[in-house]
Amino acid sequence: FVTQEALIREQPYLALNPGRAIGRVRIIEQAESVNALLPGDIAVLRQVPLSLPPVAGVLTERPSTVLSHVNLLAKGWGIPNAYVRDAAVELRQHEGQWVELKVSASGYMLRRLTPDEAAAEVAAQAARHARAASGKKPAGASAARPDLREQRLLPLADLRARNHAQCGAKAANLGALQAAKIAGTTVPDGFCIPFSHYQRFMQANGLAERLARLQRESGFQADPQARLKALAQLRAEVLQWPVNAADAAQWQARWQSQLKGQGVFVRSSSNSEDLPGFSGAGLYTTVPNIKSEAALAQAVKTVWASVFNPEAWEARSAAGFDAEAVAMAVFVQTAIDASSAGVMITRDPFDAGHRYITYISAKRGIGIRVVEGRRIAEQVTYSSWSKAIKVLSRSGDNTALQLSDNGGVKEVPVEAGRTVLTDALVLRLAGVGAAVKRLFKGVDQD
């Protein structure tokens, strides 16, 4: 017999994000070389990187999941992305040439542009660069307006969906989930550090002036490499800025009194994620298993600084967010040393026309690596109509991340390919996903 997963594993093609693009073919041999890519490039990636600067389209030689960072960026930018086995060999003849790329569920098409078409595209790219250099942004999404009046640290038990203005949609929705008491589930306890603490920290350290100066610097708007370097410098500065001592003492006191000083995950909950039409998944930083007071304050600053992660900046810019309007609340949540973890989506990410489908992507250990894309995760779909469980891939990891006794995480060896989710667990998870969807008025959830 041959398993369905083995058949899928041998497929030569998978459309991760259908679409059309015009650009110049660039074959990237090493993941570290992606920073040399330009917005007009169609990147052919021989390895799946953790992040990617803005490009026109993506083809990868290694399979990854629809939840990999690269594909989440592709979705945010609205560009085509597909896995093509032996892509570099197939496209070597087109390297450096202007082409039209079309990605669909059934296959991809590549057509080399005529000299006249290529010249017109070069002119169009130059015009786009000029608009970028002028600082003009596309009209699009807008960050939710934060309520800066709330100064208190709000426990998870007090949070509901209405608290998104104080704590961000992620923390607020977790509060709603805890209050719903969905059978067979627990939401680990935690508390929210509201937007006002971020605003006070940034004002005290002159962020607005620093950001305005940054955006006026030569090349920042039009040159992705200059932007990457400048944002890295800004994040480093944020990590050095001092935190208000009273605020830090307040966080530590709440951590000890409410969570008994247990290890915690320090998580983003910005006003520019979990929004209709812009999930922001994978863009911001989570700091795992914090176990000391000094580490807590530094972890909060790390999450605040992740507002300026390059992938977050580029995704927001493509969506039309105003950089000055973005704010970051922080959710401090009890750490769980999971035996398996992942992401579930209450719809088919490959084809929105397939109703009744739940998609789950999971790995052994805690879930940080599920969206990295370096090693493929276990992918499973469940149909509530046919009751069929379909295994798309088994986990390719031979190590897992677990919580370390001294804080942070550690790697432990595991057997690659072993089942992560049993059928019974898939059925339980799908039931929970359906209940969460009902809780949020029938809107599909991840």
Protein backbone atom coordinates (compact mmCIF):
# COMPACT_ATOMS: atom_id res chain seq x y z
CA PHE A 1 0.00 0.00 0.00
CA VAL A 2 0.97 3.64 -0.45
CA THR A 3 -0.18 6.26 2.02
CA GLN A 4 -1.78 9.48 0.91
CA GLU A 5 0.95 11.41 2.75
CA ALA A 6 3.65 9.57 0.76
CA LEU A 7 1.93 10.45 -2.51
CA ILE A 8 1.64 14.13 -1.53
CA ARG A 9 5.26 14.17 -0.36
CA GLU A 10 6.37 13.20 -3.87
CA GLN A 11 4.33 15.83 -5.68
CA PRO A 12 6.49 18.15 -7.79
CA TYR A 13 4.34 21.27 -7.28
CA LEU A 14 2.14 23.00 -4.72
CA ALA A 15 0.50 26.41 -5.05
CA LEU A 16 0.86 28.17 -1.69
CA ASN A 17 -0.49 31.56 -2.77
CA PRO A 18 -1.98 31.83 -6.26
CA GLY A 19 -1.48 35.03 -8.25
CA ARG A 20 0.30 36.81 -11.09
CA ALA A 21 3.50 38.85 -11.09
CA ILE A 22 6.01 40.46 -13.43
CA GLY A 23 9.63 40.58 -12.34
CA ARG A 24 13.22 39.57 -12.92
CA VAL A 25 14.20 35.98 -12.06
CA ARG A 26 16.79 35.74 -9.26
CA ILE A 27 18.03 32.32 -8.09
CA ILE A 28 19.09 32.40 -4.43
CA GLU A 29 21.38 29.53 -3.44
CA GLN A 30 21.66 30.27 0.32
CA ALA A 31 18.93 31.53 2.68
CA GLU A 32 21.34 34.21 3.98
CA SER A 33 21.47 35.79 0.49
CA VAL A 34 17.81 36.85 0.46
CA ASN A 35 18.73 40.32 1.74
CA ALA A 36 20.17 41.10 -1.71
CA LEU A 37 16.71 40.71 -3.31
CA LEU A 38 14.91 43.75 -4.75
CA PRO A 39 11.16 44.51 -4.92
CA GLY A 40 11.10 43.74 -8.66
CA ASP A 41 12.62 40.26 -8.30
CA ILE A 42 10.91 36.90 -8.64
CA ALA A 43 12.88 34.93 -6.06
CA VAL A 44 13.73 31.29 -6.71
CA LEU A 45 14.72 30.02 -3.25
CA ARG A 46 16.74 26.83 -2.92
CA GLN A 47 16.23 27.02 0.86
CA VAL A 48 13.27 28.43 2.79
CA PRO A 49 14.47 31.47 4.77
CA LEU A 50 12.98 32.68 8.04
CA SER A 51 12.19 36.05 6.50
CA LEU A 52 12.19 37.81 3.15
CA PRO A 53 12.43 41.40 1.88
CA PRO A 54 9.62 42.60 -0.44
CA VAL A 55 9.70 40.84 -3.83
CA ALA A 56 7.36 40.40 -6.79
CA GLY A 57 6.96 36.62 -6.52
CA VAL A 58 8.40 33.50 -4.87
CA LEU A 59 9.18 29.96 -5.98
CA THR A 60 10.77 27.60 -3.45
CA GLU A 61 12.60 24.31 -4.04
CA ARG A 62 11.76 22.94 -0.61
CA PRO A 63 8.18 22.24 0.44
CA SER A 64 6.80 24.30 3.32
CA THR A 65 3.40 24.88 4.85
CA VAL A 66 0.87 27.59 4.08
CA LEU A 67 1.76 28.99 7.53
CA SER A 68 5.49 29.46 6.89
CA HIS A 69 6.75 33.01 7.48
CA VAL A 70 7.58 33.33 3.78
CA ASN A 71 4.08 32.39 2.71
CA LEU A 72 2.43 34.61 5.32
CA LEU A 73 4.47 37.49 3.89
CA ALA A 74 3.49 36.50 0.34
CA LYS A 75 -0.18 36.57 1.35
CA GLY A 76 0.26 39.94 3.04
CA TRP A 77 1.92 41.39 -0.06
CA GLY A 78 -0.52 39.70 -2.45
CA ILE A 79 2.24 38.02 -4.49
CA PRO A 80 2.34 34.52 -6.03
CA ASN A 81 4.19 31.79 -4.14
CA ALA A 82 4.61 28.12 -5.01
CA TYR A 83 6.74 25.09 -4.24
CA VAL A 84 8.37 23.80 -7.44
CA ARG A 85 10.65 20.80 -7.17
CA ASP A 86 13.96 21.47 -9.02
CA ALA A 87 12.89 25.09 -9.58
CA ALA A 88 16.48 26.31 -9.96
CA VAL A 89 17.20 23.76 -12.70
CA GLU A 90 13.95 24.53 -14.51
CA LEU A 91 14.43 28.31 -14.37
CA ARG A 92 18.21 28.63 -14.76
CA GLN A 93 17.74 29.63 -18.41
CA HIS A 94 15.62 32.61 -17.29
CA GLU A 95 17.95 33.94 -14.57
CA GLY A 96 18.25 37.72 -14.79
CA GLN A 97 15.44 37.94 -17.35
CA TRP A 98 12.12 39.75 -17.03
CA VAL A 99 9.22 37.30 -16.98
CA GLU A 100 5.53 37.01 -16.25
CA LEU A 101 4.73 34.42 -13.56
CA LYS A 102 1.29 32.93 -12.99
CA VAL A 103 0.65 30.56 -10.08
CA SER A 104 -2.58 28.56 -9.92
CA ALA A 105 -3.73 25.42 -8.13
CA SER A 106 -3.04 23.26 -11.19
CA GLY A 107 0.44 24.57 -12.06
CA TYR A 108 2.59 27.59 -12.79
CA MET A 109 3.30 29.40 -16.06
CA LEU A 110 6.43 31.43 -16.85
CA ARG A 111 6.67 33.62 -19.94
CA ARG A 112 9.70 35.71 -20.84
CA LEU A 113 8.80 39.32 -21.65
CA THR A 114 9.55 40.84 -25.03
CA PRO A 115 12.24 43.60 -25.08
CA ASP A 116 9.53 46.26 -25.31
CA GLU A 117 7.58 44.75 -22.40
CA ALA A 118 10.75 44.51 -20.31
CA ALA A 119 11.65 48.15 -21.01
CA ALA A 120 8.14 49.24 -19.99
CA GLU A 121 8.41 47.24 -16.77
CA VAL A 122 11.79 48.79 -15.93
CA ALA A 123 10.21 52.25 -16.34
CA ALA A 124 7.23 51.25 -14.19
CA GLN A 125 9.55 49.94 -11.46
CA ALA A 126 11.51 53.20 -11.51
CA ALA A 127 8.27 55.14 -11.06
CA ARG A 128 7.27 52.95 -8.11
CA HIS A 129 10.69 53.47 -6.51
CA ALA A 130 10.28 57.23 -6.94
CA ARG A 131 6.90 57.12 -5.19
CA ALA A 132 8.42 55.03 -2.39
CA ALA A 133 11.30 57.47 -2.03
CA SER A 134 8.79 60.31 -1.68
CA GLY A 135 7.25 58.54 1.31
CA LYS A 136 3.81 58.10 -0.28
CA LYS A 137 1.98 55.04 1.06
CA PRO A 138 -0.82 53.06 -0.56
CA ALA A 139 -4.29 53.60 0.82
CA GLY A 140 -5.34 50.50 2.74
CA ALA A 141 -5.74 49.05 6.19
CA SER A 142 -5.58 51.11 9.34
CA ALA A 143 -4.49 50.16 12.83
CA ALA A 144 -7.18 50.07 15.50
CA ARG A 145 -7.10 53.26 17.59
CA PRO A 146 -5.61 52.45 21.01
CA ASP A 147 -7.23 53.65 24.24
CA LEU A 148 -4.31 55.20 26.13
CA ARG A 149 -6.36 56.09 29.20
CA GLU A 150 -6.18 52.57 30.62
CA GLN A 151 -3.11 52.29 32.86
CA ARG A 152 -3.97 49.16 34.87
CA LEU A 153 -2.59 45.71 34.22
CA LEU A 154 -5.68 43.76 33.23
CA PRO A 155 -5.94 40.05 34.19
CA LEU A 156 -7.11 37.60 31.55
CA ALA A 157 -10.26 36.92 33.56
CA ASP A 158 -11.35 40.55 33.06
CA LEU A 159 -10.67 40.69 29.32
CA ARG A 160 -13.39 40.42 26.68
CA ALA A 161 -13.45 41.19 22.96
CA ARG A 162 -14.43 44.79 23.79
CA ASN A 163 -10.99 45.31 25.43
CA HIS A 164 -9.17 45.32 22.08
CA ALA A 165 -8.70 49.09 22.37
CA GLN A 166 -6.72 48.70 25.61
CA CYS A 167 -4.92 45.38 25.07
CA GLY A 168 -5.11 44.46 21.38
CA ALA A 169 -7.37 41.90 19.73
CA LYS A 170 -5.14 38.90 20.55
CA ALA A 171 -5.26 39.37 24.34
CA ALA A 172 -8.91 40.49 24.27
CA ASN A 173 -10.02 37.46 22.27
CA LEU A 174 -8.12 35.11 24.60
CA GLY A 175 -10.12 36.61 27.46
CA ALA A 176 -13.33 35.93 25.55
CA LEU A 177 -12.19 32.36 24.95
CA GLN A 178 -11.44 31.79 28.62
CA ALA A 179 -14.83 33.16 29.62
CA ALA A 180 -16.59 30.89 27.08
CA LYS A 181 -15.29 27.78 28.90
CA ILE A 182 -15.26 25.61 25.78
CA ALA A 183 -15.40 21.96 26.87
CA GLY A 184 -12.07 20.18 27.01
CA THR A 185 -9.96 23.34 26.71
CA THR A 186 -8.04 25.62 29.04
CA VAL A 187 -6.65 29.08 28.30
CA PRO A 188 -3.46 29.52 30.38
CA ASP A 189 -3.76 32.47 32.76
CA GLY A 190 -2.05 35.78 32.12
CA PHE A 191 -2.31 39.56 32.21
CA CYS A 192 -2.18 42.43 29.75
CA ILE A 193 0.29 45.33 29.78
CA PRO A 194 -1.87 47.92 27.97
CA PHE A 195 -0.96 50.21 25.08
CA SER A 196 -0.45 53.14 27.47
CA HIS A 197 2.74 51.58 28.88
CA TYR A 198 4.19 51.26 25.36
CA GLN A 199 3.21 54.84 24.57
CA ARG A 200 4.78 56.18 27.78
CA PHE A 201 8.02 54.25 27.15
CA MET A 202 8.31 55.42 23.55
CA GLN A 203 7.48 59.05 24.36
CA ALA A 204 10.02 59.14 27.18
CA ASN A 205 12.71 57.93 24.79
CA GLY A 206 11.82 60.12 21.81
CA LEU A 207 10.55 57.45 19.41
CA ALA A 208 8.44 59.85 17.29
CA GLU A 209 11.43 62.08 16.53
CA ARG A 210 13.67 59.05 15.94
CA LEU A 211 11.13 57.48 13.57
CA ALA A 212 10.61 60.72 11.63
CA ARG A 213 14.36 61.14 11.24
CA LEU A 214 14.71 57.51 10.15
CA GLN A 215 12.12 57.87 7.40
CA ARG A 216 13.83 60.99 6.07
CA GLU A 217 17.19 59.24 5.76
CA SER A 218 18.53 58.74 2.26
CA GLY A 219 17.40 55.44 0.79
CA PHE A 220 15.12 54.37 3.67
CA GLN A 221 11.90 54.47 1.65
CA ALA A 222 13.21 53.06 -1.65
CA ASP A 223 16.09 50.75 -0.68
CA PRO A 224 15.09 47.53 1.19
CA GLN A 225 18.68 46.96 2.31
CA ALA A 226 18.99 50.45 3.81
CA ARG A 227 15.63 49.92 5.53
CA LEU A 228 16.70 46.53 6.91
CA LYS A 229 19.85 48.03 8.43
CA ALA A 230 18.07 51.09 9.84
CA LEU A 231 15.30 49.02 11.44
CA ALA A 232 17.87 46.68 13.04
CA GLN A 233 19.61 49.72 14.54
CA LEU A 234 16.31 51.10 15.84
CA ARG A 235 15.42 47.79 17.52
CA ALA A 236 18.84 47.67 19.15
CA GLU A 237 18.31 51.21 20.48
CA VAL A 238 14.87 50.34 21.88
CA LEU A 239 16.40 47.43 23.82
CA GLN A 240 18.88 49.85 25.42
CA TRP A 241 16.33 52.51 26.42
CA PRO A 242 15.44 52.55 30.14
CA VAL A 243 12.02 51.38 31.31
CA ASN A 244 10.01 53.45 33.76
CA ALA A 245 10.92 51.92 37.16
CA ALA A 246 7.36 52.14 38.49
CA ASP A 247 6.00 50.33 35.44
CA ALA A 248 8.59 47.55 35.68
CA ALA A 249 7.86 47.11 39.39
CA GLN A 250 4.15 46.89 38.62
CA TRP A 251 4.72 44.11 36.01
CA GLN A 252 6.87 42.13 38.41
CA ALA A 253 4.40 42.46 41.28
CA ARG A 254 1.52 41.25 39.09
CA TRP A 255 3.63 38.35 37.78
CA GLN A 256 4.34 37.24 41.35
CA SER A 257 0.87 37.79 42.79
CA GLN A 258 -1.29 36.47 39.92
CA LEU A 259 0.97 33.93 38.21
CA LYS A 260 3.06 32.98 41.29
CA GLY A 261 6.32 33.74 39.48
CA GLN A 262 5.91 30.79 37.10
CA GLY A 263 7.63 30.76 33.73
CA VAL A 264 5.76 32.95 31.25
CA PHE A 265 5.59 33.66 27.54
CA VAL A 266 5.74 37.38 26.76
CA ARG A 267 3.59 37.86 23.67
CA SER A 268 2.68 40.61 21.23
CA SER A 269 -0.86 41.98 21.12
CA SER A 270 -0.60 44.98 18.83
CA ASN A 271 -3.31 47.14 17.27
CA SER A 272 -2.11 45.95 13.83
CA GLU A 273 -2.80 42.20 14.08
CA ASP A 274 -5.88 40.00 14.33
CA LEU A 275 -7.75 42.54 12.20
CA PRO A 276 -10.29 41.85 9.43
CA GLY A 277 -8.22 41.41 6.27
CA PHE A 278 -4.86 41.57 8.10
CA SER A 279 -3.97 38.84 10.59
CA GLY A 280 -0.36 39.92 11.22
CA ALA A 281 0.45 36.27 12.03
CA GLY A 282 4.14 35.59 12.53
CA LEU A 283 5.22 39.23 12.24
CA TYR A 284 5.96 40.08 15.86
CA THR A 285 8.16 38.52 18.52
CA THR A 286 7.23 36.14 21.32
CA VAL A 287 9.79 35.63 24.12
CA PRO A 288 9.39 32.14 25.66
CA ASN A 289 9.71 30.91 29.23
CA ILE A 290 10.80 34.02 31.14
CA LYS A 291 11.70 33.10 34.74
CA SER A 292 13.40 36.17 36.29
CA GLU A 293 12.35 39.73 37.02
CA ALA A 294 15.18 41.29 35.00
CA ALA A 295 14.38 39.05 32.04
CA LEU A 296 10.70 40.07 32.21
CA ALA A 297 11.45 43.77 31.65
CA GLN A 298 13.85 42.97 28.81
CA ALA A 299 11.31 40.62 27.21
CA VAL A 300 8.64 43.33 27.27
CA LYS A 301 11.06 45.70 25.50
CA THR A 302 11.85 42.95 22.97
CA VAL A 303 8.16 42.60 22.12
CA TRP A 304 7.80 46.38 21.89
CA ALA A 305 10.84 46.55 19.60
CA SER A 306 9.31 43.92 17.31
CA VAL A 307 7.00 46.65 15.99
CA PHE A 308 10.10 47.39 13.88
CA ASN A 309 10.78 43.82 12.72
CA PRO A 310 11.50 44.12 8.98
CA GLU A 311 8.81 41.61 8.01
CA ALA A 312 6.25 43.50 10.15
CA TRP A 313 7.27 46.87 8.67
CA GLU A 314 7.08 45.58 5.09
CA ALA A 315 3.75 43.79 5.56
CA ARG A 316 2.18 46.86 7.17
CA SER A 317 3.60 49.16 4.48
CA ALA A 318 2.19 46.94 1.72
CA ALA A 319 -1.20 46.98 3.47
CA GLY A 320 -1.13 50.79 3.82
CA PHE A 321 -0.70 51.14 7.59
CA ASP A 322 0.62 54.44 8.93
CA ALA A 323 3.82 53.64 10.86
CA GLU A 324 3.11 56.26 13.54
CA ALA A 325 -0.31 54.75 14.32
CA VAL A 326 1.02 51.32 15.34
CA ALA A 327 1.15 50.53 19.07
CA MET A 328 1.99 47.38 21.02
CA ALA A 329 0.29 45.93 24.06
CA VAL A 330 1.93 42.90 25.69
CA PHE A 331 0.27 39.75 26.98
CA VAL A 332 2.16 37.89 29.72
CA GLN A 333 0.90 34.30 29.80
CA THR A 334 1.76 31.20 31.82
CA ALA A 335 4.15 28.93 29.90
CA ILE A 336 3.01 25.42 28.97
CA ASP A 337 5.63 22.76 28.20
CA ALA A 338 3.59 21.28 25.38
CA SER A 339 4.10 17.77 24.03
CA SER A 340 2.78 19.11 20.71
CA ALA A 341 1.71 22.53 19.47
CA GLY A 342 0.64 24.28 16.32
CA VAL A 343 -1.90 26.38 14.47
CA MET A 344 -5.43 25.50 13.41
CA ILE A 345 -7.51 27.29 10.76
CA THR A 346 -11.29 26.79 10.49
CA ARG A 347 -11.23 26.82 6.67
CA ASP A 348 -9.26 25.28 3.82
CA PRO A 349 -6.23 27.55 3.25
CA PHE A 350 -5.68 26.00 -0.21
CA ASP A 351 -9.20 26.51 -1.56
CA ALA A 352 -11.79 28.76 0.10
CA GLY A 353 -14.48 26.96 -1.89
CA HIS A 354 -13.93 23.79 0.14
CA ARG A 355 -16.39 24.18 3.00
CA TYR A 356 -16.44 22.12 6.22
CA ILE A 357 -12.61 21.86 6.28
CA THR A 358 -10.38 22.37 9.34
CA TYR A 359 -6.62 22.67 8.68
CA ILE A 360 -4.04 21.91 11.41
CA SER A 361 -0.27 22.38 11.27
CA ALA A 362 1.64 20.96 14.25
CA LYS A 363 5.02 19.87 15.57
CA ARG A 364 6.22 18.11 18.68
CA GLY A 365 7.22 20.33 21.59
CA ILE A 366 6.29 23.99 21.92
CA GLY A 367 5.06 25.71 18.78
CA ILE A 368 7.68 28.34 17.93
CA ARG A 369 8.98 26.45 14.88
CA VAL A 370 5.62 25.72 13.28
CA VAL A 371 5.73 28.88 11.13
CA GLU A 372 9.49 29.04 10.55
CA GLY A 373 9.38 26.90 7.43
CA ARG A 374 12.86 25.37 7.81
CA ARG A 375 11.45 21.87 8.37
CA ILE A 376 7.96 20.98 7.26
CA ALA A 377 5.31 20.54 9.95
CA GLU A 378 2.72 17.81 10.19
CA GLN A 379 -0.28 19.02 8.19
CA VAL A 380 -3.73 17.51 8.58
CA THR A 381 -7.18 18.44 7.30
CA TYR A 382 -10.52 17.25 8.64
CA SER A 383 -13.86 17.44 6.85
CA SER A 384 -16.86 17.75 9.12
CA TRP A 385 -19.01 16.73 6.12
CA SER A 386 -17.28 13.47 5.10
CA LYS A 387 -15.63 12.86 8.52
CA ALA A 388 -12.37 12.22 6.64
CA ILE A 389 -8.94 12.98 8.10
CA LYS A 390 -6.37 13.73 5.39
CA VAL A 391 -2.66 13.70 6.29
CA LEU A 392 -0.85 16.11 3.94
CA SER A 393 2.61 15.77 5.52
CA ARG A 394 4.41 14.34 8.52
CA SER A 395 6.77 16.49 10.59
CA GLY A 396 10.30 16.68 9.20
CA ASP A 397 11.88 17.76 12.51
CA ASN A 398 14.32 15.45 14.30
CA THR A 399 14.46 17.78 17.32
CA ALA A 400 11.78 19.53 19.36
CA LEU A 401 11.82 22.60 21.57
CA GLN A 402 10.91 22.18 25.24
CA LEU A 403 11.01 24.61 28.15
CA SER A 404 14.35 24.79 29.96
CA ASP A 405 14.52 24.73 33.76
CA ASN A 406 16.69 27.87 33.68
CA GLY A 407 14.40 29.82 31.38
CA GLY A 408 14.18 29.91 27.60
CA VAL A 409 13.99 26.73 25.55
CA LYS A 410 16.14 23.70 24.84
CA GLU A 411 16.34 21.23 21.96
CA VAL A 412 15.60 17.56 22.55
CA PRO A 413 15.91 14.76 19.96
CA VAL A 414 12.74 13.24 18.49
CA GLU A 415 11.99 10.72 15.78
CA ALA A 416 11.35 12.44 12.44
CA GLY A 417 8.14 11.42 10.71
CA ARG A 418 6.41 10.03 13.79
CA THR A 419 2.75 11.00 14.12
CA VAL A 420 2.29 14.27 16.04
CA LEU A 421 -1.52 14.28 16.23
CA THR A 422 -3.61 11.17 16.75
CA ASP A 423 -6.96 10.86 14.96
CA ALA A 424 -8.75 11.33 18.27
CA LEU A 425 -6.88 14.58 18.91
CA VAL A 426 -7.63 15.85 15.40
CA LEU A 427 -11.35 15.27 16.03
CA ARG A 428 -11.15 17.06 19.40
CA LEU A 429 -9.30 20.01 17.88
CA ALA A 430 -11.77 20.34 15.00
CA GLY A 431 -14.61 20.42 17.52
CA VAL A 432 -12.87 23.16 19.49
CA GLY A 433 -12.24 25.12 16.26
CA ALA A 434 -15.95 24.95 15.39
CA ALA A 435 -16.86 26.16 18.89
CA VAL A 436 -14.41 29.08 18.66
CA LYS A 437 -15.84 30.03 15.27
CA ARG A 438 -19.36 30.04 16.74
CA LEU A 439 -18.16 32.19 19.62
CA PHE A 440 -16.91 34.82 17.17
CA LYS A 441 -20.15 35.00 15.20
CA GLY A 442 -19.29 32.46 12.52
CA VAL A 443 -16.17 34.26 11.28
CA ASP A 444 -13.36 31.87 10.32
CA GLN A 445 -10.54 31.80 12.89
CA ASP A 446 -6.91 30.78 13.20
